[in-house]
Amino acid sequence: MYATNPQKTEKVAIVHYWLVTMRGGEKVVEELCRMYPQADIFTLVCDYEKISAVLSRHDIRTSFLQRIPGARKHYTKFLPLMPFALESLDLQAYDLVISSESGPAKGVVTRPDALHVCYCHSPMRYVWDHYHLYRRNMGVIGRFVLAATAPFIRAWDVTTAARVDAFAANSQHVANRIWRFYRRRATVIHPPVAVDDFQSNGARGEFYLCAGQLVPYKRVDLAVRAFNRSKKRLVVIGEGQQLAELRKIAGPNIELLGYQPFPVLKDHLARCRALVFPGEEDFGILPVEAMAAGRPVIAFDAGGARETVCSDAVGIRFAEQTEDSLNDAVERFEMREDQFDPQEIVRHARQFSAAVFRSRMEAFIAESRAAFEASQGRPPGAVAGSRMDLQRHLPDSART
């Protein structure tokens, strides 16, 4: 029984940017749905054939973008319309609104007496710190449209941060970016990882593994070039725009498997010598999945990897996104490869479980509600009043 809300009549809305696949953000929404089984879900667009049974059981309400032909496939091209679409969603009946932010989602308009908490996977990358990276990989028309609309989107994004009563961030890295862009403090709550889906079989293969979506910022190309030089065996699992380029540059020691179903990925995670993680991620679920399978991780020393691959007992980090730095890390790993204890690595991974996530979110929402009500001079459980900045009232233990 996950629902913990003491107010039985409280109506809960969960807002997610779009539901067109089942990745890390959608897994967070699943856990929120388990916490609030009667919640309604609001989203910009939804592909009902691509979402899980957990989400399908809820009342899912979409924006006007859903009615535009092709929107479920080309939703990112409708960025200029997203602020209008979000503000058109009617949440006036809801007492608690939980926005799952990355795409955007937090810009909804709620009642003045409704509590709005935001779980932020990342401030919108394509208008903030990854803006130029996204522009470089667009066509001429896309670059023009993004350049013309990004200033408006940034201004709207900053303004709507004031609509949120309390922020939770999926990592300290994201909490720092929330402060940089919004000047709001955030409580760090790591996202749920299905650690129980992985097992350590004690077997160690003869290959390194690199997996994930093959897009530029993941830097899988760096791993391929580094292993081309070292001649060590590397297996790459994933699909994306870089797959054709990687096939052109990969040497005979590198095996590109493309997309593979979960059982195949799971098997490779359990049998690899180590997972190679060369990109900078806001959190990065894949390293935790590898550790849940008992395998160490060789990760770039930035972003969420600093919080997950955080000790010499579970992996090695490298300082620069260069072939030399990565290959040096692989050599350092091999010098002490036999010292890694799979069971210790698994124990480390379990601190990122779904159960831990739910427990921390329950505490965060309860503290946020209490602070919101206390700001109005009312006892806990009373109807809340106007909006305030919760971060001034949260206890130090809940801040980052």
Protein backbone atom coordinates (compact mmCIF):
# COMPACT_ATOMS: atom_id res chain seq x y z
CA MET A 1 0.00 0.00 0.00
CA TYR A 2 1.84 3.09 -1.23
CA ALA A 3 -0.70 5.86 -0.70
CA THR A 4 0.15 7.81 2.45
CA ASN A 5 -1.99 10.91 2.11
CA PRO A 6 -3.84 11.58 5.38
CA GLN A 7 -6.45 13.70 3.64
CA LYS A 8 -8.68 11.10 2.00
CA THR A 9 -10.55 13.64 -0.09
CA GLU A 10 -7.40 15.23 -1.49
CA LYS A 11 -7.32 15.18 -5.28
CA VAL A 12 -3.90 14.59 -6.81
CA ALA A 13 -2.64 15.43 -10.29
CA ILE A 14 0.65 14.21 -11.75
CA VAL A 15 1.97 16.33 -14.63
CA HIS A 16 4.56 14.88 -17.01
CA TYR A 17 5.93 16.54 -20.13
CA TRP A 18 5.08 13.76 -22.62
CA LEU A 19 4.30 10.05 -22.49
CA VAL A 20 5.69 8.54 -25.67
CA THR A 21 8.15 5.98 -24.27
CA MET A 22 9.16 4.33 -20.98
CA ARG A 23 12.49 5.76 -19.86
CA GLY A 24 13.78 7.13 -16.58
CA GLY A 25 11.32 10.01 -16.33
CA GLU A 26 8.37 7.73 -16.96
CA LYS A 27 9.64 5.30 -14.32
CA VAL A 28 9.45 8.16 -11.83
CA VAL A 29 5.84 8.77 -12.87
CA GLU A 30 5.12 5.06 -12.32
CA GLU A 31 6.33 5.29 -8.74
CA LEU A 32 4.30 8.44 -8.16
CA CYS A 33 1.28 6.53 -9.47
CA ARG A 34 1.97 3.77 -6.96
CA MET A 35 2.11 6.37 -4.19
CA TYR A 36 -1.15 7.94 -5.40
CA PRO A 37 -3.21 5.24 -7.13
CA GLN A 38 -6.20 7.58 -7.60
CA ALA A 39 -4.18 10.40 -9.19
CA ASP A 40 -4.98 11.75 -12.63
CA ILE A 41 -2.14 12.24 -15.12
CA PHE A 42 -1.77 15.33 -17.30
CA THR A 43 0.65 15.43 -20.24
CA LEU A 44 1.25 17.33 -23.46
CA VAL A 45 0.98 14.27 -25.72
CA CYS A 46 0.56 10.55 -25.08
CA ASP A 47 1.21 7.47 -27.21
CA TYR A 48 -1.04 5.02 -25.40
CA GLU A 49 0.62 2.03 -27.11
CA LYS A 50 4.05 2.94 -25.68
CA ILE A 51 3.22 3.35 -21.99
CA SER A 52 3.12 0.77 -19.22
CA ALA A 53 0.10 -0.90 -17.68
CA VAL A 54 0.74 1.05 -14.45
CA LEU A 55 0.24 4.35 -16.27
CA SER A 56 -2.62 3.07 -18.44
CA ARG A 57 -4.73 2.39 -15.35
CA HIS A 58 -4.89 6.12 -14.62
CA ASP A 59 -7.04 8.79 -16.21
CA ILE A 60 -4.61 10.42 -18.67
CA ARG A 61 -5.53 13.89 -19.93
CA THR A 62 -3.64 15.44 -22.83
CA SER A 63 -3.26 18.98 -24.18
CA PHE A 64 -4.47 20.33 -27.52
CA LEU A 65 -1.16 19.23 -29.05
CA GLN A 66 -2.49 15.66 -28.99
CA ARG A 67 -4.96 16.61 -31.75
CA ILE A 68 -2.28 17.93 -34.12
CA PRO A 69 -1.36 15.29 -36.74
CA GLY A 70 2.09 13.85 -36.10
CA ALA A 71 2.47 15.42 -32.66
CA ARG A 72 3.00 12.11 -30.88
CA LYS A 73 6.05 11.44 -33.07
CA HIS A 74 7.38 14.97 -33.65
CA TYR A 75 6.45 16.48 -30.28
CA THR A 76 9.81 18.23 -29.82
CA LYS A 77 9.11 20.39 -32.88
CA PHE A 78 6.18 21.97 -31.03
CA LEU A 79 8.35 23.59 -28.34
CA PRO A 80 7.03 27.13 -29.05
CA LEU A 81 3.47 25.93 -28.37
CA MET A 82 4.24 24.01 -25.18
CA PRO A 83 3.80 26.93 -22.75
CA PHE A 84 0.32 27.59 -24.15
CA ALA A 85 -0.51 23.88 -24.10
CA LEU A 86 0.55 23.47 -20.47
CA GLU A 87 -1.36 26.51 -19.29
CA SER A 88 -4.47 25.23 -21.06
CA LEU A 89 -4.57 22.16 -18.78
CA ASP A 90 -7.29 22.63 -16.15
CA LEU A 91 -6.02 21.64 -12.70
CA GLN A 92 -8.43 23.71 -10.62
CA ALA A 93 -9.98 20.61 -9.02
CA TYR A 94 -6.67 19.36 -7.57
CA ASP A 95 -5.27 19.92 -4.08
CA LEU A 96 -1.82 18.43 -4.73
CA VAL A 97 0.00 18.80 -8.05
CA ILE A 98 3.24 16.92 -8.66
CA SER A 99 5.03 18.00 -11.83
CA SER A 100 7.69 15.79 -13.38
CA GLU A 101 9.89 18.38 -15.07
CA SER A 102 12.32 18.12 -17.94
CA GLY A 103 10.43 18.89 -21.03
CA PRO A 104 8.62 21.24 -19.64
CA ALA A 105 5.88 20.37 -17.11
CA LYS A 106 6.06 22.76 -14.14
CA GLY A 107 4.38 25.62 -16.02
CA VAL A 108 0.82 24.51 -15.26
CA VAL A 109 -1.55 26.90 -13.52
CA THR A 110 -2.86 25.61 -10.17
CA ARG A 111 -5.22 26.94 -7.51
CA PRO A 112 -3.65 29.39 -5.05
CA ASP A 113 -4.40 26.98 -2.19
CA ALA A 114 -3.05 23.89 -3.98
CA LEU A 115 0.38 22.54 -3.12
CA HIS A 116 2.62 22.26 -6.20
CA VAL A 117 5.81 20.24 -5.82
CA CYS A 118 8.14 19.67 -8.75
CA TYR A 119 10.40 16.65 -9.22
CA CYS A 120 12.98 18.01 -11.64
CA HIS A 121 14.94 15.57 -13.81
CA SER A 122 16.62 18.57 -15.42
CA PRO A 123 15.90 22.16 -16.37
CA MET A 124 15.17 22.16 -20.11
CA ARG A 125 18.53 21.25 -21.62
CA TYR A 126 17.77 22.52 -25.12
CA VAL A 127 17.26 26.12 -24.00
CA TRP A 128 19.88 26.20 -21.24
CA ASP A 129 23.27 24.47 -20.97
CA HIS A 130 22.86 22.17 -24.02
CA TYR A 131 21.40 24.89 -26.23
CA HIS A 132 24.37 25.15 -28.61
CA LEU A 133 24.82 21.39 -28.78
CA TYR A 134 21.21 20.94 -29.86
CA ARG A 135 21.48 23.76 -32.42
CA ARG A 136 24.58 22.24 -34.00
CA ASN A 137 22.72 19.00 -34.63
CA MET A 138 19.66 20.64 -36.22
CA GLY A 139 18.89 21.53 -39.81
CA VAL A 140 18.81 25.12 -41.03
CA ILE A 141 15.09 25.59 -40.30
CA GLY A 142 15.38 23.98 -36.87
CA ARG A 143 18.30 26.22 -35.91
CA PHE A 144 16.37 29.31 -36.98
CA VAL A 145 13.21 28.34 -35.09
CA LEU A 146 15.12 27.46 -31.90
CA ALA A 147 17.12 30.70 -32.01
CA ALA A 148 13.93 32.73 -32.52
CA THR A 149 11.91 31.08 -29.74
CA ALA A 150 14.53 30.19 -27.10
CA PRO A 151 14.59 33.66 -25.44
CA PHE A 152 10.81 33.52 -24.92
CA ILE A 153 10.99 29.93 -23.62
CA ARG A 154 13.80 30.82 -21.20
CA ALA A 155 11.87 33.77 -19.80
CA TRP A 156 8.73 31.66 -19.41
CA ASP A 157 10.75 28.84 -17.81
CA VAL A 158 12.24 31.15 -15.19
CA THR A 159 8.89 32.83 -14.50
CA THR A 160 7.07 29.53 -13.99
CA ALA A 161 9.63 28.41 -11.39
CA ALA A 162 7.77 30.80 -9.06
CA ARG A 163 4.63 28.68 -9.52
CA VAL A 164 6.34 25.79 -7.71
CA ASP A 165 6.16 25.57 -3.93
CA ALA A 166 9.04 23.11 -3.50
CA PHE A 167 11.58 21.55 -5.82
CA ALA A 168 13.10 18.08 -5.62
CA ALA A 169 16.06 17.30 -7.89
CA ASN A 170 17.17 13.90 -9.12
CA SER A 171 20.82 14.66 -8.26
CA GLN A 172 23.01 17.30 -6.68
CA HIS A 173 24.14 18.14 -10.22
CA VAL A 174 20.56 19.04 -11.15
CA ALA A 175 20.00 20.85 -7.85
CA ASN A 176 22.97 23.07 -8.71
CA ARG A 177 21.47 23.82 -12.13
CA ILE A 178 18.07 24.61 -10.59
CA TRP A 179 19.81 27.18 -8.41
CA ARG A 180 21.79 28.55 -11.36
CA PHE A 181 18.80 29.02 -13.66
CA TYR A 182 15.88 29.54 -11.24
CA ARG A 183 17.58 30.69 -8.02
CA ARG A 184 15.57 28.07 -6.11
CA ARG A 185 16.92 25.49 -3.70
CA ALA A 186 16.03 21.84 -4.18
CA THR A 187 15.98 18.68 -2.09
CA VAL A 188 17.96 15.87 -3.73
CA ILE A 189 15.96 12.66 -4.16
CA HIS A 190 17.61 10.18 -6.49
CA PRO A 191 15.26 8.58 -9.04
CA PRO A 192 14.03 5.00 -8.64
CA VAL A 193 16.10 2.25 -10.24
CA ALA A 194 14.68 -1.26 -10.64
CA VAL A 195 17.66 -2.81 -8.87
CA ASP A 196 15.75 -6.04 -8.18
CA ASP A 197 15.57 -6.71 -11.93
CA PHE A 198 19.32 -7.38 -11.99
CA GLN A 199 21.39 -10.13 -10.44
CA SER A 200 25.10 -10.72 -10.05
CA ASN A 201 25.96 -14.13 -11.52
CA GLY A 202 29.61 -14.01 -10.51
CA ALA A 203 30.75 -14.55 -14.10
CA ARG A 204 33.04 -12.03 -15.77
CA GLY A 205 33.17 -11.79 -19.52
CA GLU A 206 36.00 -10.66 -21.74
CA PHE A 207 34.41 -7.46 -23.03
CA TYR A 208 33.63 -3.95 -21.88
CA LEU A 209 30.11 -2.59 -22.42
CA CYS A 210 28.82 0.78 -23.55
CA ALA A 211 25.06 1.18 -23.85
CA GLY A 212 22.32 3.76 -24.19
CA GLN A 213 20.85 6.11 -26.73
CA LEU A 214 23.37 6.90 -29.45
CA VAL A 215 23.18 10.69 -29.46
CA PRO A 216 26.09 13.18 -29.38
CA TYR A 217 26.06 14.15 -25.70
CA LYS A 218 26.28 10.49 -24.60
CA ARG A 219 29.80 10.44 -26.14
CA VAL A 220 29.69 6.80 -27.21
CA ASP A 221 31.90 7.96 -30.11
CA LEU A 222 34.61 8.72 -27.53
CA ALA A 223 34.45 5.15 -26.22
CA VAL A 224 34.65 3.72 -29.75
CA ARG A 225 37.68 5.84 -30.66
CA ALA A 226 39.43 5.06 -27.38
CA PHE A 227 38.90 1.31 -27.78
CA ASN A 228 39.98 1.51 -31.41
CA ARG A 229 43.36 2.63 -30.05
CA SER A 230 43.59 0.17 -27.18
CA LYS A 231 42.34 -2.80 -29.28
CA LYS A 232 40.38 -4.05 -26.26
CA ARG A 233 36.99 -5.62 -26.92
CA LEU A 234 33.99 -3.31 -26.62
CA VAL A 235 30.30 -4.15 -27.10
CA VAL A 236 27.91 -1.26 -27.84
CA ILE A 237 24.15 -1.65 -27.32
CA GLY A 238 21.76 1.08 -28.41
CA GLU A 239 20.28 2.94 -31.32
CA GLY A 240 20.12 6.57 -32.39
CA GLN A 241 21.39 9.13 -34.83
CA GLN A 242 25.06 8.26 -34.28
CA LEU A 243 24.75 4.55 -35.10
CA ALA A 244 25.68 4.94 -38.79
CA GLU A 245 28.70 7.11 -37.90
CA LEU A 246 29.88 4.63 -35.27
CA ARG A 247 29.68 1.77 -37.76
CA LYS A 248 32.01 3.69 -40.06
CA ILE A 249 34.70 4.27 -37.43
CA ALA A 250 34.48 1.08 -35.33
CA GLY A 251 37.39 -1.32 -35.59
CA PRO A 252 37.14 -5.13 -35.62
CA ASN A 253 37.42 -5.29 -31.82
CA ILE A 254 34.16 -3.34 -31.43
CA GLU A 255 30.76 -4.98 -31.78
CA LEU A 256 27.78 -2.72 -32.47
CA LEU A 257 24.59 -4.61 -31.64
CA GLY A 258 22.10 -1.77 -32.20
CA TYR A 259 18.84 -1.92 -30.28
CA GLN A 260 18.48 -4.97 -28.05
CA PRO A 261 15.56 -6.04 -25.83
CA PHE A 262 15.93 -5.74 -22.07
CA PRO A 263 16.90 -9.42 -21.46
CA VAL A 264 19.88 -9.03 -23.80
CA LEU A 265 20.99 -5.79 -22.14
CA LYS A 266 20.55 -7.37 -18.73
CA ASP A 267 22.69 -10.36 -19.74
CA HIS A 268 25.47 -8.13 -21.07
CA LEU A 269 25.44 -5.98 -17.94
CA ALA A 270 25.92 -9.08 -15.80
CA ARG A 271 28.77 -10.46 -17.94
CA CYS A 272 30.83 -7.40 -18.89
CA ARG A 273 34.18 -6.61 -17.32
CA ALA A 274 32.90 -3.09 -16.64
CA LEU A 275 30.40 -0.61 -17.98
CA VAL A 276 31.99 2.32 -19.81
CA PHE A 277 30.01 5.52 -19.25
CA PRO A 278 31.69 8.37 -21.18
CA GLY A 279 28.94 11.03 -21.21
CA GLU A 280 27.74 13.61 -18.70
CA GLU A 281 24.28 12.75 -17.39
CA ASP A 282 22.02 14.56 -14.96
CA PHE A 283 21.79 11.31 -12.98
CA GLY A 284 22.42 8.27 -15.17
CA ILE A 285 20.39 5.15 -14.43
CA LEU A 286 22.52 2.75 -16.47
CA PRO A 287 25.55 2.84 -14.12
CA VAL A 288 23.27 1.93 -11.20
CA GLU A 289 21.79 -0.94 -13.23
CA ALA A 290 25.30 -2.22 -13.97
CA MET A 291 26.19 -2.02 -10.28
CA ALA A 292 22.94 -3.81 -9.39
CA ALA A 293 24.30 -6.62 -11.59
CA GLY A 294 27.54 -6.56 -9.59
CA ARG A 295 29.70 -4.95 -12.26
CA PRO A 296 31.95 -1.90 -11.74
CA VAL A 297 31.69 1.28 -13.82
CA ILE A 298 34.28 3.40 -15.61
CA ALA A 299 32.64 6.83 -15.81
CA PHE A 300 33.40 10.38 -16.83
CA ASP A 301 33.91 12.46 -13.69
CA ALA A 302 30.93 14.80 -14.07
CA GLY A 303 27.19 15.02 -13.48
CA GLY A 304 25.33 12.28 -11.68
CA ALA A 305 28.23 9.83 -11.93
CA ARG A 306 29.88 11.70 -9.07
CA GLU A 307 26.98 10.61 -6.87
CA THR A 308 26.56 7.04 -8.12
CA VAL A 309 30.13 5.98 -8.97
CA CYS A 310 31.22 7.68 -5.81
CA SER A 311 33.90 5.37 -4.37
CA ASP A 312 36.82 3.24 -5.50
CA ALA A 313 34.87 0.19 -4.36
CA VAL A 314 32.33 0.49 -7.20
CA GLY A 315 34.29 1.92 -10.11
CA ILE A 316 36.73 4.45 -11.53
CA ARG A 317 36.14 7.97 -12.89
CA PHE A 318 38.22 9.75 -15.53
CA ALA A 319 38.77 13.49 -15.59
CA GLU A 320 38.60 14.47 -19.27
CA GLN A 321 36.49 13.42 -22.23
CA THR A 322 39.52 12.39 -24.24
CA GLU A 323 40.74 9.06 -25.58
CA ASP A 324 43.89 9.25 -23.46
CA SER A 325 41.97 9.92 -20.25
CA LEU A 326 39.49 7.09 -20.87
CA ASN A 327 42.18 4.58 -21.83
CA ASP A 328 44.21 5.55 -18.76
CA ALA A 329 41.13 4.84 -16.61
CA VAL A 330 40.72 1.41 -18.26
CA GLU A 331 44.37 0.62 -17.48
CA ARG A 332 43.93 1.71 -13.87
CA PHE A 333 40.81 -0.44 -13.67
CA GLU A 334 42.61 -3.53 -14.95
CA MET A 335 45.41 -3.08 -12.42
CA ARG A 336 42.90 -3.62 -9.60
CA GLU A 337 40.10 -5.46 -11.38
CA ASP A 338 40.28 -8.45 -9.05
CA GLN A 339 39.75 -6.23 -6.01
CA PHE A 340 36.16 -5.32 -6.91
CA ASP A 341 33.64 -7.24 -4.81
CA PRO A 342 30.38 -7.84 -6.76
CA GLN A 343 28.31 -8.14 -3.59
CA GLU A 344 29.61 -4.86 -2.21
CA ILE A 345 28.78 -3.20 -5.53
CA VAL A 346 25.24 -4.63 -5.39
CA ARG A 347 24.77 -3.33 -1.84
CA HIS A 348 25.82 0.12 -3.01
CA ALA A 349 23.27 0.03 -5.87
CA ARG A 350 20.39 -0.77 -3.52
CA GLN A 351 20.40 2.71 -2.02
CA PHE A 352 18.86 3.85 -5.34
CA SER A 353 15.90 1.45 -5.20
CA ALA A 354 12.27 2.35 -5.88
CA ALA A 355 11.42 1.77 -2.21
CA VAL A 356 13.99 4.35 -1.12
CA PHE A 357 12.64 6.81 -3.69
CA ARG A 358 9.05 6.42 -2.45
CA SER A 359 10.08 6.83 1.17
CA ARG A 360 11.99 10.04 0.48
CA MET A 361 9.24 11.47 -1.74
CA GLU A 362 6.63 10.77 0.94
CA ALA A 363 8.73 12.62 3.51
CA PHE A 364 9.43 15.49 1.10
CA ILE A 365 5.75 16.00 0.25
CA ALA A 366 4.72 15.77 3.91
CA GLU A 367 7.34 18.37 4.92
CA SER A 368 6.33 20.60 2.00
CA ARG A 369 2.66 20.40 2.95
CA ALA A 370 3.39 21.15 6.60
CA ALA A 371 5.54 24.16 5.69
CA PHE A 372 2.91 25.42 3.26
CA GLU A 373 0.14 25.21 5.87
CA ALA A 374 2.30 26.61 8.65
CA SER A 375 3.05 29.67 6.54
CA GLN A 376 -0.62 30.56 6.72
CA GLY A 377 -0.80 30.23 10.51
CA ARG A 378 -3.03 27.16 10.29
CA PRO A 379 -2.55 23.80 12.00
CA PRO A 380 -1.47 20.85 9.85
CA GLY A 381 -4.40 19.42 7.91
CA ALA A 382 -6.20 22.74 7.53
CA VAL A 383 -6.96 24.18 4.11
CA ALA A 384 -3.86 25.98 2.88
CA GLY A 385 -3.82 29.60 1.79
CA SER A 386 -1.80 31.64 -0.65
CA ARG A 387 1.54 30.75 -2.26
CA MET A 388 4.88 31.04 -0.49
CA ASP A 389 8.50 30.04 -0.89
CA LEU A 390 8.71 26.69 0.88
CA GLN A 391 12.48 26.64 0.88
CA ARG A 392 12.50 29.31 3.60
CA HIS A 393 10.57 26.97 5.88
CA LEU A 394 11.90 23.50 5.12
CA PRO A 395 14.19 22.15 7.86
CA ASP A 396 17.91 22.16 7.12
CA SER A 397 17.88 18.36 6.79
CA ALA A 398 15.53 18.68 3.79
CA ARG A 399 17.67 21.24 1.97
CA THR A 400 20.71 20.78 -0.25
